Amino acid sequence: MKTALPSPTGPIFELDDKLMAHGIEASRQSPRGRIILPIHRQQEALVQRMLNFLQPGTYVQPHWHPRSFASETIFVMQGRIGFAVYDDVENLLSTHDLKAGALIDIEPNIQHGLVCLESDTVILEIKRGPFDTEEDKVFASWAPSEDDGVAAAQFREELESQFS
């Protein structure tokens, strides 16, 4: 299953209406209800910049970034997300209803997850790189994985209810 669009090439990237529409359509067609467009040119870039196109019903399993430099910034460009922060034993510590123009920034080791609350939501994520599949992200063992059908849907619906 495709999870990302190809990274751009060249020294300048511009997000235009055509590329925005392409990303939104790709998220609508994705079984996960979302797709990433990495805008950093190389996987080993020291600053990882990604556009994430999301549709309601997508589920981002709670996780944290354990590396000491792994802060994360999310800017909502359009649409709306529900951002949740947890402690290490599943207790919900805070919720943040983020609409277009909102920004949230978290330090490393903060357990967090999100749900998409409006169609065609687009967020910009910025994290320090380089990306390392082995060390970048640790999923919360108490939360169902994305591919855990019914359990993931129930967890997502419960989280979405925090924002209604």
N, C-alpha and C. Protein backbone atom coordinates (compact mmCIF):
# COMPACT_ATOMS: atom_id res chain seq x y z
N MET A 1 0.84 -1.18 0.00
CA MET A 1 0.00 0.00 0.00
C MET A 1 0.89 1.24 0.00
N LYS A 2 0.55 2.14 -0.87
CA LYS A 2 1.30 3.38 -1.01
C LYS A 2 0.98 4.31 0.16
N THR A 3 2.02 4.78 0.88
CA THR A 3 1.82 5.67 2.01
C THR A 3 2.33 7.08 1.75
N ALA A 4 3.10 7.25 0.66
CA ALA A 4 3.68 8.56 0.38
C ALA A 4 3.76 8.81 -1.12
N LEU A 5 3.68 10.06 -1.46
CA LEU A 5 3.93 10.51 -2.83
C LEU A 5 5.44 10.72 -2.97
N PRO A 6 5.94 10.78 -4.19
CA PRO A 6 7.38 11.00 -4.37
C PRO A 6 7.83 12.36 -3.86
N SER A 7 9.03 12.40 -3.29
CA SER A 7 9.62 13.67 -2.86
C SER A 7 9.91 14.53 -4.07
N PRO A 8 9.83 15.84 -3.90
CA PRO A 8 10.18 16.72 -5.02
C PRO A 8 11.68 16.69 -5.29
N THR A 9 12.06 17.20 -6.43
CA THR A 9 13.47 17.34 -6.76
C THR A 9 13.76 18.81 -6.99
N GLY A 10 15.02 19.14 -7.01
CA GLY A 10 15.42 20.52 -7.27
C GLY A 10 15.48 21.35 -6.01
N PRO A 11 16.06 22.52 -6.10
CA PRO A 11 16.32 23.33 -4.91
C PRO A 11 15.12 24.10 -4.37
N ILE A 12 14.03 24.20 -5.13
CA ILE A 12 12.87 24.97 -4.69
C ILE A 12 11.62 24.12 -4.83
N PHE A 13 10.79 24.15 -3.79
CA PHE A 13 9.50 23.45 -3.81
C PHE A 13 8.41 24.49 -3.62
N GLU A 14 7.38 24.42 -4.45
CA GLU A 14 6.22 25.30 -4.28
C GLU A 14 4.97 24.43 -4.31
N LEU A 15 4.14 24.60 -3.31
CA LEU A 15 2.85 23.90 -3.27
C LEU A 15 1.84 24.76 -4.01
N ASP A 16 1.42 24.29 -5.17
CA ASP A 16 0.43 25.02 -5.94
C ASP A 16 -0.92 24.30 -5.88
N ASP A 17 -1.93 24.89 -6.49
CA ASP A 17 -3.28 24.32 -6.44
C ASP A 17 -3.34 22.92 -7.04
N LYS A 18 -2.59 22.70 -8.11
CA LYS A 18 -2.60 21.40 -8.78
C LYS A 18 -2.02 20.31 -7.87
N LEU A 19 -0.90 20.59 -7.21
CA LEU A 19 -0.29 19.62 -6.31
C LEU A 19 -1.15 19.40 -5.07
N MET A 20 -1.76 20.46 -4.57
CA MET A 20 -2.67 20.34 -3.43
C MET A 20 -3.84 19.42 -3.79
N ALA A 21 -4.42 19.63 -4.96
CA ALA A 21 -5.54 18.79 -5.40
C ALA A 21 -5.10 17.34 -5.59
N HIS A 22 -3.90 17.14 -6.10
CA HIS A 22 -3.36 15.79 -6.29
C HIS A 22 -3.20 15.08 -4.94
N GLY A 23 -2.65 15.77 -3.96
CA GLY A 23 -2.47 15.19 -2.63
C GLY A 23 -3.80 14.85 -1.97
N ILE A 24 -4.76 15.74 -2.08
CA ILE A 24 -6.09 15.50 -1.51
C ILE A 24 -6.73 14.30 -2.18
N GLU A 25 -6.67 14.23 -3.50
CA GLU A 25 -7.27 13.10 -4.20
C GLU A 25 -6.57 11.79 -3.83
N ALA A 26 -5.26 11.81 -3.69
CA ALA A 26 -4.52 10.61 -3.29
C ALA A 26 -4.95 10.15 -1.90
N SER A 27 -5.22 11.10 -0.99
CA SER A 27 -5.68 10.71 0.36
C SER A 27 -7.08 10.12 0.31
N ARG A 28 -7.91 10.64 -0.58
CA ARG A 28 -9.27 10.09 -0.73
C ARG A 28 -9.22 8.66 -1.27
N GLN A 29 -8.26 8.35 -2.10
CA GLN A 29 -8.14 7.02 -2.70
C GLN A 29 -7.38 6.04 -1.81
N SER A 30 -6.65 6.53 -0.85
CA SER A 30 -5.83 5.68 0.01
C SER A 30 -6.70 4.87 0.97
N PRO A 31 -6.45 3.58 1.11
CA PRO A 31 -7.19 2.78 2.10
C PRO A 31 -7.01 3.31 3.52
N ARG A 32 -5.89 3.99 3.78
CA ARG A 32 -5.63 4.56 5.12
C ARG A 32 -6.32 5.91 5.32
N GLY A 33 -6.79 6.51 4.25
CA GLY A 33 -7.44 7.82 4.36
C GLY A 33 -6.44 8.95 4.53
N ARG A 34 -5.19 8.70 4.18
CA ARG A 34 -4.18 9.75 4.27
C ARG A 34 -2.99 9.36 3.40
N ILE A 35 -2.24 10.39 3.04
CA ILE A 35 -1.00 10.17 2.29
C ILE A 35 -0.05 11.33 2.59
N ILE A 36 1.22 11.01 2.61
CA ILE A 36 2.27 11.99 2.91
C ILE A 36 2.93 12.43 1.62
N LEU A 37 3.27 13.70 1.56
CA LEU A 37 4.13 14.23 0.52
C LEU A 37 5.37 14.78 1.23
N PRO A 38 6.47 13.99 1.23
CA PRO A 38 7.69 14.52 1.84
C PRO A 38 8.21 15.67 0.98
N ILE A 39 8.49 16.80 1.59
CA ILE A 39 9.01 17.91 0.78
C ILE A 39 10.50 18.10 1.01
N HIS A 40 11.10 17.33 1.92
CA HIS A 40 12.56 17.31 1.99
C HIS A 40 13.05 16.45 0.82
N ARG A 41 14.18 16.77 0.28
CA ARG A 41 14.64 16.12 -0.95
C ARG A 41 15.30 14.77 -0.71
N GLN A 42 15.86 14.57 0.49
CA GLN A 42 16.58 13.33 0.78
C GLN A 42 16.13 12.77 2.11
N GLN A 43 16.06 11.45 2.20
CA GLN A 43 15.63 10.77 3.42
C GLN A 43 16.53 11.14 4.61
N GLU A 44 17.79 11.43 4.34
CA GLU A 44 18.72 11.74 5.43
C GLU A 44 18.79 13.23 5.75
N ALA A 45 17.87 14.01 5.22
CA ALA A 45 17.84 15.45 5.51
C ALA A 45 17.73 15.70 7.02
N LEU A 46 18.42 16.73 7.49
CA LEU A 46 18.41 17.03 8.92
C LEU A 46 17.11 17.66 9.38
N VAL A 47 16.34 18.21 8.45
CA VAL A 47 15.01 18.71 8.77
C VAL A 47 14.02 17.98 7.88
N GLN A 48 13.14 17.20 8.50
CA GLN A 48 12.14 16.42 7.77
C GLN A 48 10.87 17.28 7.68
N ARG A 49 10.43 17.57 6.46
CA ARG A 49 9.24 18.38 6.23
C ARG A 49 8.28 17.57 5.39
N MET A 50 7.05 17.44 5.87
CA MET A 50 6.07 16.61 5.18
C MET A 50 4.71 17.28 5.17
N LEU A 51 4.03 17.18 4.04
CA LEU A 51 2.62 17.53 3.99
C LEU A 51 1.87 16.23 4.18
N ASN A 52 0.89 16.25 5.04
CA ASN A 52 0.08 15.06 5.29
C ASN A 52 -1.36 15.43 4.92
N PHE A 53 -1.88 14.75 3.91
CA PHE A 53 -3.24 14.96 3.43
C PHE A 53 -4.11 13.91 4.11
N LEU A 54 -5.19 14.34 4.79
CA LEU A 54 -5.97 13.43 5.62
C LEU A 54 -7.46 13.52 5.32
N GLN A 55 -8.13 12.39 5.53
CA GLN A 55 -9.58 12.32 5.42
C GLN A 55 -10.15 11.79 6.73
N PRO A 56 -11.39 12.18 7.08
CA PRO A 56 -12.02 11.62 8.28
C PRO A 56 -12.02 10.09 8.20
N GLY A 57 -11.82 9.47 9.34
CA GLY A 57 -11.77 8.01 9.41
C GLY A 57 -10.35 7.48 9.46
N THR A 58 -9.37 8.35 9.16
CA THR A 58 -7.99 7.89 9.28
C THR A 58 -7.62 7.78 10.77
N TYR A 59 -6.73 6.88 11.06
CA TYR A 59 -6.32 6.62 12.45
C TYR A 59 -4.80 6.65 12.53
N VAL A 60 -4.28 7.53 13.34
CA VAL A 60 -2.85 7.59 13.60
C VAL A 60 -2.63 7.04 15.01
N GLN A 61 -2.08 5.84 15.07
CA GLN A 61 -1.87 5.18 16.36
C GLN A 61 -1.01 6.04 17.27
N PRO A 62 -1.41 6.20 18.53
CA PRO A 62 -0.56 6.96 19.47
C PRO A 62 0.87 6.41 19.47
N HIS A 63 1.79 7.34 19.53
CA HIS A 63 3.21 7.00 19.46
C HIS A 63 4.02 8.14 20.07
N TRP A 64 5.32 7.93 20.16
CA TRP A 64 6.22 8.98 20.58
C TRP A 64 7.52 8.85 19.81
N HIS A 65 8.29 9.92 19.85
CA HIS A 65 9.57 9.97 19.16
C HIS A 65 10.66 10.00 20.24
N PRO A 66 11.39 8.88 20.42
CA PRO A 66 12.27 8.73 21.57
C PRO A 66 13.63 9.43 21.47
N ARG A 67 14.04 9.81 20.29
CA ARG A 67 15.37 10.42 20.19
C ARG A 67 15.37 11.79 20.86
N SER A 68 16.45 12.13 21.54
CA SER A 68 16.51 13.34 22.37
C SER A 68 16.26 14.62 21.58
N PHE A 69 16.46 14.59 20.29
CA PHE A 69 16.29 15.79 19.46
C PHE A 69 14.98 15.76 18.66
N ALA A 70 14.09 14.82 18.96
CA ALA A 70 12.94 14.56 18.10
C ALA A 70 11.69 15.37 18.47
N SER A 71 11.83 16.67 18.51
CA SER A 71 10.64 17.50 18.67
C SER A 71 9.84 17.45 17.37
N GLU A 72 8.57 17.82 17.45
CA GLU A 72 7.71 17.77 16.27
C GLU A 72 6.79 18.98 16.27
N THR A 73 6.64 19.58 15.11
CA THR A 73 5.75 20.72 14.93
C THR A 73 4.72 20.35 13.88
N ILE A 74 3.46 20.65 14.16
CA ILE A 74 2.38 20.40 13.21
C ILE A 74 1.62 21.71 13.02
N PHE A 75 1.48 22.10 11.76
CA PHE A 75 0.73 23.29 11.38
C PHE A 75 -0.45 22.85 10.52
N VAL A 76 -1.65 23.24 10.90
CA VAL A 76 -2.85 22.88 10.13
C VAL A 76 -3.05 23.93 9.04
N MET A 77 -2.85 23.49 7.81
CA MET A 77 -2.98 24.40 6.67
C MET A 77 -4.43 24.56 6.25
N GLN A 78 -5.18 23.47 6.26
CA GLN A 78 -6.61 23.53 5.97
C GLN A 78 -7.28 22.36 6.66
N GLY A 79 -8.54 22.55 7.02
CA GLY A 79 -9.29 21.48 7.68
C GLY A 79 -9.16 21.55 9.20
N ARG A 80 -9.22 20.36 9.82
CA ARG A 80 -9.27 20.30 11.29
C ARG A 80 -8.81 18.93 11.75
N ILE A 81 -7.97 18.92 12.80
CA ILE A 81 -7.56 17.66 13.42
C ILE A 81 -7.83 17.73 14.92
N GLY A 82 -7.98 16.56 15.49
CA GLY A 82 -8.01 16.41 16.94
C GLY A 82 -6.69 15.80 17.35
N PHE A 83 -5.94 16.49 18.17
CA PHE A 83 -4.61 16.05 18.61
C PHE A 83 -4.72 15.67 20.08
N ALA A 84 -4.23 14.49 20.42
CA ALA A 84 -4.35 13.99 21.79
C ALA A 84 -2.97 13.68 22.35
N VAL A 85 -2.79 13.99 23.64
CA VAL A 85 -1.55 13.71 24.36
C VAL A 85 -1.88 12.75 25.50
N TYR A 86 -1.05 11.72 25.63
CA TYR A 86 -1.26 10.66 26.63
C TYR A 86 -0.05 10.52 27.53
N ASP A 87 -0.30 9.93 28.72
CA ASP A 87 0.84 9.50 29.53
C ASP A 87 1.24 8.10 29.07
N ASP A 88 2.17 7.47 29.76
CA ASP A 88 2.68 6.19 29.26
C ASP A 88 1.82 4.99 29.62
N VAL A 89 0.67 5.21 30.25
CA VAL A 89 -0.23 4.09 30.57
C VAL A 89 -1.65 4.32 30.06
N GLU A 90 -1.79 5.06 28.99
CA GLU A 90 -3.03 5.25 28.26
C GLU A 90 -3.92 6.37 28.78
N ASN A 91 -3.56 7.04 29.84
CA ASN A 91 -4.39 8.13 30.32
C ASN A 91 -4.31 9.32 29.37
N LEU A 92 -5.45 9.83 28.98
CA LEU A 92 -5.53 10.99 28.12
C LEU A 92 -5.22 12.23 28.96
N LEU A 93 -4.14 12.92 28.64
CA LEU A 93 -3.72 14.10 29.41
C LEU A 93 -4.34 15.39 28.88
N SER A 94 -4.40 15.52 27.55
CA SER A 94 -4.96 16.74 26.98
C SER A 94 -5.41 16.48 25.55
N THR A 95 -6.37 17.29 25.12
CA THR A 95 -6.82 17.26 23.73
C THR A 95 -6.70 18.67 23.17
N HIS A 96 -6.45 18.74 21.88
CA HIS A 96 -6.26 20.02 21.21
C HIS A 96 -7.02 19.99 19.89
N ASP A 97 -8.03 20.82 19.79
CA ASP A 97 -8.86 20.92 18.60
C ASP A 97 -8.21 21.96 17.69
N LEU A 98 -7.54 21.48 16.65
CA LEU A 98 -6.72 22.36 15.82
C LEU A 98 -7.36 22.58 14.45
N LYS A 99 -7.68 23.84 14.18
CA LYS A 99 -8.30 24.22 12.92
C LYS A 99 -7.26 24.91 12.04
N ALA A 100 -7.63 25.19 10.80
CA ALA A 100 -6.72 25.84 9.86
C ALA A 100 -6.08 27.07 10.51
N GLY A 101 -4.77 27.15 10.41
CA GLY A 101 -4.01 28.24 11.00
C GLY A 101 -3.43 27.92 12.36
N ALA A 102 -3.84 26.79 12.97
CA ALA A 102 -3.34 26.42 14.30
C ALA A 102 -2.02 25.66 14.18
N LEU A 103 -1.22 25.76 15.22
CA LEU A 103 0.07 25.09 15.27
C LEU A 103 0.24 24.47 16.64
N ILE A 104 0.83 23.28 16.67
CA ILE A 104 1.18 22.64 17.93
C ILE A 104 2.61 22.14 17.81
N ASP A 105 3.36 22.26 18.89
CA ASP A 105 4.76 21.83 18.91
C ASP A 105 4.97 21.00 20.17
N ILE A 106 5.56 19.81 20.00
CA ILE A 106 5.80 18.94 21.16
C ILE A 106 7.27 18.55 21.22
N GLU A 107 7.72 18.35 22.42
CA GLU A 107 9.08 17.90 22.67
C GLU A 107 9.18 16.39 22.50
N PRO A 108 10.39 15.84 22.47
CA PRO A 108 10.55 14.38 22.36
C PRO A 108 9.85 13.63 23.50
N ASN A 109 9.54 12.38 23.24
CA ASN A 109 8.98 11.46 24.24
C ASN A 109 7.59 11.81 24.72
N ILE A 110 6.86 12.61 23.98
CA ILE A 110 5.47 12.92 24.31
C ILE A 110 4.58 11.97 23.51
N GLN A 111 3.82 11.13 24.20
CA GLN A 111 2.92 10.21 23.50
C GLN A 111 1.75 11.02 22.94
N HIS A 112 1.51 10.83 21.64
CA HIS A 112 0.48 11.61 20.98
C HIS A 112 -0.12 10.82 19.81
N GLY A 113 -1.30 11.23 19.43
CA GLY A 113 -1.98 10.67 18.28
C GLY A 113 -2.93 11.73 17.75
N LEU A 114 -3.54 11.43 16.61
CA LEU A 114 -4.47 12.41 16.07
C LEU A 114 -5.54 11.74 15.25
N VAL A 115 -6.63 12.47 15.10
CA VAL A 115 -7.72 12.07 14.22
C VAL A 115 -8.04 13.25 13.31
N CYS A 116 -8.54 12.94 12.14
CA CYS A 116 -8.93 13.96 11.18
C CYS A 116 -10.42 14.25 11.39
N LEU A 117 -10.76 15.52 11.53
CA LEU A 117 -12.13 15.91 11.84
C LEU A 117 -12.86 16.60 10.70
N GLU A 118 -12.16 16.89 9.60
CA GLU A 118 -12.79 17.50 8.42
C GLU A 118 -12.19 16.90 7.17
N SER A 119 -13.03 16.78 6.15
CA SER A 119 -12.55 16.29 4.85
C SER A 119 -11.47 17.22 4.30
N ASP A 120 -10.55 16.60 3.58
CA ASP A 120 -9.51 17.34 2.85
C ASP A 120 -8.63 18.19 3.76
N THR A 121 -8.32 17.65 4.92
CA THR A 121 -7.43 18.33 5.85
C THR A 121 -5.99 18.18 5.36
N VAL A 122 -5.21 19.24 5.52
CA VAL A 122 -3.80 19.22 5.14
C VAL A 122 -2.99 19.80 6.29
N ILE A 123 -1.99 19.03 6.72
CA ILE A 123 -1.11 19.52 7.78
C ILE A 123 0.33 19.49 7.29
N LEU A 124 1.12 20.39 7.83
CA LEU A 124 2.56 20.42 7.59
C LEU A 124 3.22 19.91 8.87
N GLU A 125 4.01 18.86 8.75
CA GLU A 125 4.75 18.31 9.89
C GLU A 125 6.23 18.62 9.69
N ILE A 126 6.88 19.03 10.75
CA ILE A 126 8.31 19.31 10.71
C ILE A 126 8.95 18.60 11.90
N LYS A 127 9.97 17.78 11.59
CA LYS A 127 10.72 17.06 12.63
C LYS A 127 12.19 17.10 12.25
N ARG A 128 13.02 16.97 13.26
CA ARG A 128 14.45 16.88 12.97
C ARG A 128 14.77 15.49 12.44
N GLY A 129 15.62 15.42 11.46
CA GLY A 129 16.04 14.15 10.89
C GLY A 129 17.46 13.83 11.32
N PRO A 130 18.06 12.90 10.66
CA PRO A 130 17.49 12.14 9.56
C PRO A 130 16.49 11.09 10.05
N PHE A 131 15.61 10.69 9.15
CA PHE A 131 14.61 9.67 9.46
C PHE A 131 15.30 8.32 9.58
N ASP A 132 14.93 7.57 10.60
CA ASP A 132 15.47 6.23 10.82
C ASP A 132 14.29 5.34 11.20
N THR A 133 13.94 4.40 10.34
CA THR A 133 12.76 3.55 10.58
C THR A 133 12.85 2.79 11.89
N GLU A 134 14.04 2.49 12.35
CA GLU A 134 14.22 1.72 13.59
C GLU A 134 14.06 2.58 14.84
N GLU A 135 14.38 3.88 14.74
CA GLU A 135 14.43 4.72 15.94
C GLU A 135 13.49 5.91 15.95
N ASP A 136 12.84 6.19 14.84
CA ASP A 136 12.05 7.43 14.74
C ASP A 136 10.81 7.42 15.61
N LYS A 137 10.13 6.29 15.68
CA LYS A 137 8.81 6.26 16.29
C LYS A 137 8.62 4.98 17.07
N VAL A 138 8.01 5.11 18.25
CA VAL A 138 7.63 3.94 19.06
C VAL A 138 6.12 4.01 19.25
N PHE A 139 5.43 2.96 18.82
CA PHE A 139 3.98 2.94 18.97
C PHE A 139 3.58 2.52 20.37
N ALA A 140 2.54 3.16 20.90
CA ALA A 140 2.02 2.83 22.23
C ALA A 140 1.45 1.41 22.20
N SER A 141 1.96 0.56 23.07
CA SER A 141 1.52 -0.85 23.08
C SER A 141 0.07 -0.99 23.53
N TRP A 142 -0.45 -0.02 24.24
CA TRP A 142 -1.82 -0.08 24.75
C TRP A 142 -2.86 0.33 23.69
N ALA A 143 -2.40 0.87 22.57
CA ALA A 143 -3.33 1.34 21.52
C ALA A 143 -3.34 0.34 20.37
N PRO A 144 -4.50 0.11 19.77
CA PRO A 144 -4.55 -0.82 18.64
C PRO A 144 -3.76 -0.30 17.45
N SER A 145 -3.17 -1.22 16.70
CA SER A 145 -2.44 -0.82 15.49
C SER A 145 -3.43 -0.39 14.41
N GLU A 146 -2.93 0.33 13.45
CA GLU A 146 -3.76 0.82 12.35
C GLU A 146 -4.53 -0.28 11.64
N ASP A 147 -3.89 -1.43 11.50
CA ASP A 147 -4.52 -2.52 10.74
C ASP A 147 -5.33 -3.47 11.61
N ASP A 148 -5.64 -3.04 12.83
CA ASP A 148 -6.44 -3.86 13.75
C ASP A 148 -7.91 -3.48 13.63
N GLY A 149 -8.44 -3.50 12.42
CA GLY A 149 -9.83 -3.23 12.04
C GLY A 149 -10.76 -2.67 13.09
N VAL A 150 -11.51 -3.55 13.75
CA VAL A 150 -12.56 -3.15 14.68
C VAL A 150 -11.99 -2.39 15.87
N ALA A 151 -10.90 -2.88 16.46
CA ALA A 151 -10.32 -2.22 17.64
C ALA A 151 -9.83 -0.82 17.28
N ALA A 152 -9.19 -0.67 16.12
CA ALA A 152 -8.71 0.65 15.70
C ALA A 152 -9.88 1.60 15.46
N ALA A 153 -10.95 1.09 14.83
CA ALA A 153 -12.12 1.93 14.57
C ALA A 153 -12.77 2.38 15.88
N GLN A 154 -12.88 1.49 16.85
CA GLN A 154 -13.45 1.85 18.15
C GLN A 154 -12.60 2.89 18.86
N PHE A 155 -11.29 2.70 18.84
CA PHE A 155 -10.38 3.65 19.48
C PHE A 155 -10.51 5.02 18.81
N ARG A 156 -10.52 5.03 17.47
CA ARG A 156 -10.64 6.28 16.71
C ARG A 156 -11.95 6.98 17.05
N GLU A 157 -13.05 6.23 17.07
CA GLU A 157 -14.36 6.83 17.36
C GLU A 157 -14.40 7.41 18.77
N GLU A 158 -13.79 6.71 19.70
CA GLU A 158 -13.74 7.23 21.08
C GLU A 158 -12.94 8.53 21.14
N LEU A 159 -11.83 8.57 20.42
CA LEU A 159 -11.03 9.79 20.40
C LEU A 159 -11.79 10.91 19.69
N GLU A 160 -12.43 10.61 18.58
CA GLU A 160 -13.21 11.64 17.86
C GLU A 160 -14.30 12.23 18.76
N SER A 161 -14.88 11.42 19.64
CA SER A 161 -15.94 11.92 20.52
C SER A 161 -15.43 12.99 21.48
N GLN A 162 -14.13 13.06 21.70
CA GLN A 162 -13.55 14.10 22.56
C GLN A 162 -13.63 15.48 21.91
N PHE A 163 -13.92 15.51 20.61
CA PHE A 163 -13.89 16.77 19.86
C PHE A 163 -15.24 17.18 19.32
N SER A 164 -16.32 16.47 19.73
CA SER A 164 -17.64 16.82 19.17
C SER A 164 -18.37 17.83 20.01
